[in-house]
Amino acid sequence: MQSKWFKNDEQSRVWWLDNSDEKTGVFIFSFDKKKEYNLFSDYPHKLSNKEKKIFKEDEPFWAEFFKERKND
């Protein structure tokens, strides 16, 4: 099965993996559709400072949701 990537907004720099056929409750995102991050286990500590900035700008809902997590 080929991966299906999509954006929540056309201008977004964050890609989301449509894995609804495989896993429930697993949110995978990427900035280049190659390196994948798991929203719940990787954000924000596995992202570079540049990636954190992009994610916060392009996905404000999730950035606010995880605002209590240490960013560095």
C-alpha atoms as a PDB file:
ATOM      1  CA  MET A   1       0.000   0.000   0.000  1.00  0.00           C
ATOM      2  CA  GLN A   2       1.321   3.401  -0.938  1.00  0.00           C
ATOM      3  CA  SER A   3       1.433   6.075   1.763  1.00  0.00           C
ATOM      4  CA  LYS A   4      -1.146   8.821   1.436  1.00  0.00           C
ATOM      5  CA  TRP A   5       0.102  12.183   2.593  1.00  0.00           C
ATOM      6  CA  PHE A   6      -2.120  15.225   2.951  1.00  0.00           C
ATOM      7  CA  LYS A   7      -2.068  18.741   4.370  1.00  0.00           C
ATOM      8  CA  ASN A   8      -4.752  20.258   6.593  1.00  0.00           C
ATOM      9  CA  ASP A   9      -4.275  23.516   4.719  1.00  0.00           C
ATOM     10  CA  GLU A  10      -2.823  24.090   1.258  1.00  0.00           C
ATOM     11  CA  GLN A  11      -0.296  26.598   2.644  1.00  0.00           C
ATOM     12  CA  SER A  12       0.870  24.304   5.453  1.00  0.00           C
ATOM     13  CA  ARG A  13       4.409  22.956   5.509  1.00  0.00           C
ATOM     14  CA  VAL A  14       3.320  19.991   7.627  1.00  0.00           C
ATOM     15  CA  TRP A  15       2.257  16.762   5.956  1.00  0.00           C
ATOM     16  CA  TRP A  16       0.038  14.210   7.717  1.00  0.00           C
ATOM     17  CA  LEU A  17      -0.050  10.509   6.930  1.00  0.00           C
ATOM     18  CA  ASP A  18      -3.484   9.047   6.257  1.00  0.00           C
ATOM     19  CA  ASN A  19      -3.029   5.749   8.052  1.00  0.00           C
ATOM     20  CA  SER A  20      -6.686   5.329   9.009  1.00  0.00           C
ATOM     21  CA  ASP A  21      -6.786   1.922   7.327  1.00  0.00           C
ATOM     22  CA  GLU A  22      -3.988   0.639   9.560  1.00  0.00           C
ATOM     23  CA  LYS A  23      -3.843   2.296  12.966  1.00  0.00           C
ATOM     24  CA  THR A  24      -6.369   4.151  15.063  1.00  0.00           C
ATOM     25  CA  GLY A  25      -5.143   7.031  17.200  1.00  0.00           C
ATOM     26  CA  VAL A  26      -1.667   7.195  15.650  1.00  0.00           C
ATOM     27  CA  PHE A  27      -0.885  10.599  14.181  1.00  0.00           C
ATOM     28  CA  ILE A  28       2.166  10.615  11.913  1.00  0.00           C
ATOM     29  CA  PHE A  29       3.452  13.847  10.419  1.00  0.00           C
ATOM     30  CA  SER A  30       6.410  14.951   8.360  1.00  0.00           C
ATOM     31  CA  PHE A  31       7.966  18.027   6.844  1.00  0.00           C
ATOM     32  CA  ASP A  32       9.365  16.221   3.786  1.00  0.00           C
ATOM     33  CA  LYS A  33       7.280  12.999   3.594  1.00  0.00           C
ATOM     34  CA  LYS A  34      10.455  11.027   4.357  1.00  0.00           C
ATOM     35  CA  LYS A  35      11.320  11.561   8.010  1.00  0.00           C
ATOM     36  CA  GLU A  36       8.234  10.699  10.038  1.00  0.00           C
ATOM     37  CA  TYR A  37       7.267  11.830  13.527  1.00  0.00           C
ATOM     38  CA  ASN A  38       4.647  10.394  15.843  1.00  0.00           C
ATOM     39  CA  LEU A  39       2.694  13.335  17.232  1.00  0.00           C
ATOM     40  CA  PHE A  40       2.160  11.878  20.702  1.00  0.00           C
ATOM     41  CA  SER A  41       5.594  10.364  21.291  1.00  0.00           C
ATOM     42  CA  ASP A  42       7.927  12.667  19.336  1.00  0.00           C
ATOM     43  CA  TYR A  43       6.530  16.195  19.672  1.00  0.00           C
ATOM     44  CA  PRO A  44       8.302  18.454  20.477  1.00  0.00           C
ATOM     45  CA  HIS A  45      11.512  16.862  21.744  1.00  0.00           C
ATOM     46  CA  LYS A  46      12.518  15.063  18.539  1.00  0.00           C
ATOM     47  CA  LEU A  47      12.004  18.087  16.288  1.00  0.00           C
ATOM     48  CA  SER A  48      14.700  20.584  15.412  1.00  0.00           C
ATOM     49  CA  ASN A  49      14.173  24.190  16.481  1.00  0.00           C
ATOM     50  CA  LYS A  50      13.249  25.062  12.886  1.00  0.00           C
ATOM     51  CA  GLU A  51      10.727  22.199  12.736  1.00  0.00           C
ATOM     52  CA  LYS A  52       9.192  23.237  16.075  1.00  0.00           C
ATOM     53  CA  LYS A  53       8.733  26.783  14.778  1.00  0.00           C
ATOM     54  CA  ILE A  54       7.094  25.560  11.561  1.00  0.00           C
ATOM     55  CA  PHE A  55       4.849  23.148  13.442  1.00  0.00           C
ATOM     56  CA  LYS A  56       3.744  25.831  15.898  1.00  0.00           C
ATOM     57  CA  GLU A  57       2.920  28.232  13.040  1.00  0.00           C
ATOM     58  CA  ASP A  58       1.191  25.704  10.787  1.00  0.00           C
ATOM     59  CA  GLU A  59      -0.526  23.505  13.387  1.00  0.00           C
ATOM     60  CA  PRO A  60      -1.551  25.908  16.176  1.00  0.00           C
ATOM     61  CA  PHE A  61      -4.182  23.527  17.564  1.00  0.00           C
ATOM     62  CA  TRP A  62      -1.640  20.792  18.284  1.00  0.00           C
ATOM     63  CA  ALA A  63       0.990  23.261  19.489  1.00  0.00           C
ATOM     64  CA  GLU A  64      -1.521  24.600  22.016  1.00  0.00           C
ATOM     65  CA  PHE A  65      -2.632  21.067  22.946  1.00  0.00           C
ATOM     66  CA  PHE A  66       0.955  20.153  23.873  1.00  0.00           C
ATOM     67  CA  LYS A  67       1.991  23.555  25.278  1.00  0.00           C
ATOM     68  CA  GLU A  68       2.817  22.019  28.682  1.00  0.00           C
ATOM     69  CA  ARG A  69       5.451  19.747  27.157  1.00  0.00           C
ATOM     70  CA  LYS A  70       9.020  20.941  27.475  1.00  0.00           C
ATOM     71  CA  ASN A  71      10.167  22.353  24.124  1.00  0.00           C
ATOM     72  CA  ASP A  72      13.913  21.903  24.520  1.00  0.00           C
END
